[in-house]
Amino acid sequence: MKTYTIGRRTGKTICFSNPEVSNDHAEIVENNGSLLLIDHSTNGTLVNGNKVHNSSYPINRGDVILFGSGAVLNWNLIN
């Protein structure tokens, strides 16, 4: 199992400077090829237009994941 941390705080696996991204915004857990986004943010995350807020949501490579406005994660570029 591998965990990717996402946020503005230094030391995150994926770090955004966008002020609308929380310091500890979310994490993505990869387990046996399955991906799960876990949101910890103040304002939520959009996955393919669906709002995820303080909950988890299954994701797939190719999904459009938006943290704040303009902070887009292209999961296809992550190894």
C-alpha atoms as a PDB file:
ATOM      1  CA  MET A   1       0.000   0.000   0.000  1.00  0.00           C
ATOM      2  CA  LYS A   2       1.317   3.430  -0.943  1.00  0.00           C
ATOM      3  CA  THR A   3       0.037   6.815   0.285  1.00  0.00           C
ATOM      4  CA  TYR A   4       0.465  10.142  -1.527  1.00  0.00           C
ATOM      5  CA  THR A   5      -0.132  13.239   0.624  1.00  0.00           C
ATOM      6  CA  ILE A   6      -1.477  16.411  -1.007  1.00  0.00           C
ATOM      7  CA  GLY A   7      -1.514  19.992   0.237  1.00  0.00           C
ATOM      8  CA  ARG A   8       0.308  23.304   0.613  1.00  0.00           C
ATOM      9  CA  ARG A   9       2.459  22.211   3.550  1.00  0.00           C
ATOM     10  CA  THR A  10       6.120  21.542   2.798  1.00  0.00           C
ATOM     11  CA  GLY A  11       6.935  17.855   2.698  1.00  0.00           C
ATOM     12  CA  LYS A  12       3.733  16.700   0.986  1.00  0.00           C
ATOM     13  CA  THR A  13       4.159  14.161  -1.802  1.00  0.00           C
ATOM     14  CA  ILE A  14       2.238  16.549  -4.088  1.00  0.00           C
ATOM     15  CA  CYS A  15       2.605  20.173  -3.022  1.00  0.00           C
ATOM     16  CA  PHE A  16       0.523  23.044  -4.449  1.00  0.00           C
ATOM     17  CA  SER A  17       1.173  26.737  -3.778  1.00  0.00           C
ATOM     18  CA  ASN A  18      -2.439  27.726  -4.564  1.00  0.00           C
ATOM     19  CA  PRO A  19      -3.860  29.443  -1.428  1.00  0.00           C
ATOM     20  CA  GLU A  20      -7.203  27.637  -1.936  1.00  0.00           C
ATOM     21  CA  VAL A  21      -5.489  24.306  -1.300  1.00  0.00           C
ATOM     22  CA  SER A  22      -5.457  23.369   2.394  1.00  0.00           C
ATOM     23  CA  ASN A  23      -2.141  22.678   4.120  1.00  0.00           C
ATOM     24  CA  ASP A  24      -3.224  19.057   4.583  1.00  0.00           C
ATOM     25  CA  HIS A  25      -5.786  18.845   1.787  1.00  0.00           C
ATOM     26  CA  ALA A  26      -6.067  15.153   0.944  1.00  0.00           C
ATOM     27  CA  GLU A  27      -4.308  11.875   0.416  1.00  0.00           C
ATOM     28  CA  ILE A  28      -4.491   9.190  -2.202  1.00  0.00           C
ATOM     29  CA  VAL A  29      -4.050   5.615  -1.066  1.00  0.00           C
ATOM     30  CA  GLU A  30      -3.023   3.038  -3.658  1.00  0.00           C
ATOM     31  CA  ASN A  31      -3.677  -0.570  -2.655  1.00  0.00           C
ATOM     32  CA  ASN A  32      -3.344  -3.481  -5.085  1.00  0.00           C
ATOM     33  CA  GLY A  33      -4.056  -1.213  -8.060  1.00  0.00           C
ATOM     34  CA  SER A  34      -7.107   0.465  -6.483  1.00  0.00           C
ATOM     35  CA  LEU A  35      -6.988   4.188  -5.713  1.00  0.00           C
ATOM     36  CA  LEU A  36      -8.894   5.983  -2.951  1.00  0.00           C
ATOM     37  CA  LEU A  37      -8.927   9.757  -2.437  1.00  0.00           C
ATOM     38  CA  ILE A  38      -9.419  10.808   1.190  1.00  0.00           C
ATOM     39  CA  ASP A  39     -10.324  14.480   1.601  1.00  0.00           C
ATOM     40  CA  HIS A  40      -9.242  16.353   4.755  1.00  0.00           C
ATOM     41  CA  SER A  41      -9.756  19.881   3.422  1.00  0.00           C
ATOM     42  CA  THR A  42     -11.782  22.880   4.495  1.00  0.00           C
ATOM     43  CA  ASN A  43     -13.618  23.312   1.184  1.00  0.00           C
ATOM     44  CA  GLY A  44     -13.508  19.882  -0.409  1.00  0.00           C
ATOM     45  CA  THR A  45     -12.146  18.390  -3.609  1.00  0.00           C
ATOM     46  CA  LEU A  46     -13.838  17.792  -6.956  1.00  0.00           C
ATOM     47  CA  VAL A  47     -13.418  14.451  -8.711  1.00  0.00           C
ATOM     48  CA  ASN A  48     -14.902  14.551 -12.221  1.00  0.00           C
ATOM     49  CA  GLY A  49     -17.203  17.327 -10.958  1.00  0.00           C
ATOM     50  CA  ASN A  50     -18.354  15.381  -7.864  1.00  0.00           C
ATOM     51  CA  LYS A  51     -17.631  17.102  -4.551  1.00  0.00           C
ATOM     52  CA  VAL A  52     -15.780  15.084  -1.941  1.00  0.00           C
ATOM     53  CA  HIS A  53     -15.577  16.724   1.487  1.00  0.00           C
ATOM     54  CA  ASN A  54     -14.175  15.084   4.606  1.00  0.00           C
ATOM     55  CA  SER A  55     -14.841  11.646   3.149  1.00  0.00           C
ATOM     56  CA  SER A  56     -13.269   9.128   0.793  1.00  0.00           C
ATOM     57  CA  TYR A  57     -13.950   8.535  -2.891  1.00  0.00           C
ATOM     58  CA  PRO A  58     -12.652   5.834  -5.262  1.00  0.00           C
ATOM     59  CA  ILE A  59     -10.686   7.266  -8.171  1.00  0.00           C
ATOM     60  CA  ASN A  60      -9.189   5.947 -11.381  1.00  0.00           C
ATOM     61  CA  ARG A  61      -6.284   6.999 -13.554  1.00  0.00           C
ATOM     62  CA  GLY A  62      -7.564   9.654 -15.934  1.00  0.00           C
ATOM     63  CA  ASP A  63     -10.017  11.197 -13.449  1.00  0.00           C
ATOM     64  CA  VAL A  64      -9.973  14.998 -13.228  1.00  0.00           C
ATOM     65  CA  ILE A  65      -9.185  15.949  -9.632  1.00  0.00           C
ATOM     66  CA  LEU A  66      -9.471  19.611  -8.638  1.00  0.00           C
ATOM     67  CA  PHE A  67      -8.061  20.978  -5.368  1.00  0.00           C
ATOM     68  CA  GLY A  68      -9.258  24.555  -4.830  1.00  0.00           C
ATOM     69  CA  SER A  69      -9.723  26.473  -8.066  1.00  0.00           C
ATOM     70  CA  GLY A  70      -7.075  25.809 -10.622  1.00  0.00           C
ATOM     71  CA  ALA A  71      -5.001  23.190  -8.786  1.00  0.00           C
ATOM     72  CA  VAL A  72      -5.592  20.173 -11.031  1.00  0.00           C
ATOM     73  CA  LEU A  73      -3.945  16.805 -10.488  1.00  0.00           C
ATOM     74  CA  ASN A  74      -3.168  14.768 -13.584  1.00  0.00           C
ATOM     75  CA  TRP A  75      -2.894  11.349 -11.942  1.00  0.00           C
ATOM     76  CA  ASN A  76      -1.627   9.840 -15.220  1.00  0.00           C
ATOM     77  CA  LEU A  77       1.683  11.658 -14.644  1.00  0.00           C
ATOM     78  CA  ILE A  78       2.244  10.134 -11.190  1.00  0.00           C
ATOM     79  CA  ASN A  79       4.296   6.933 -11.026  1.00  0.00           C
END
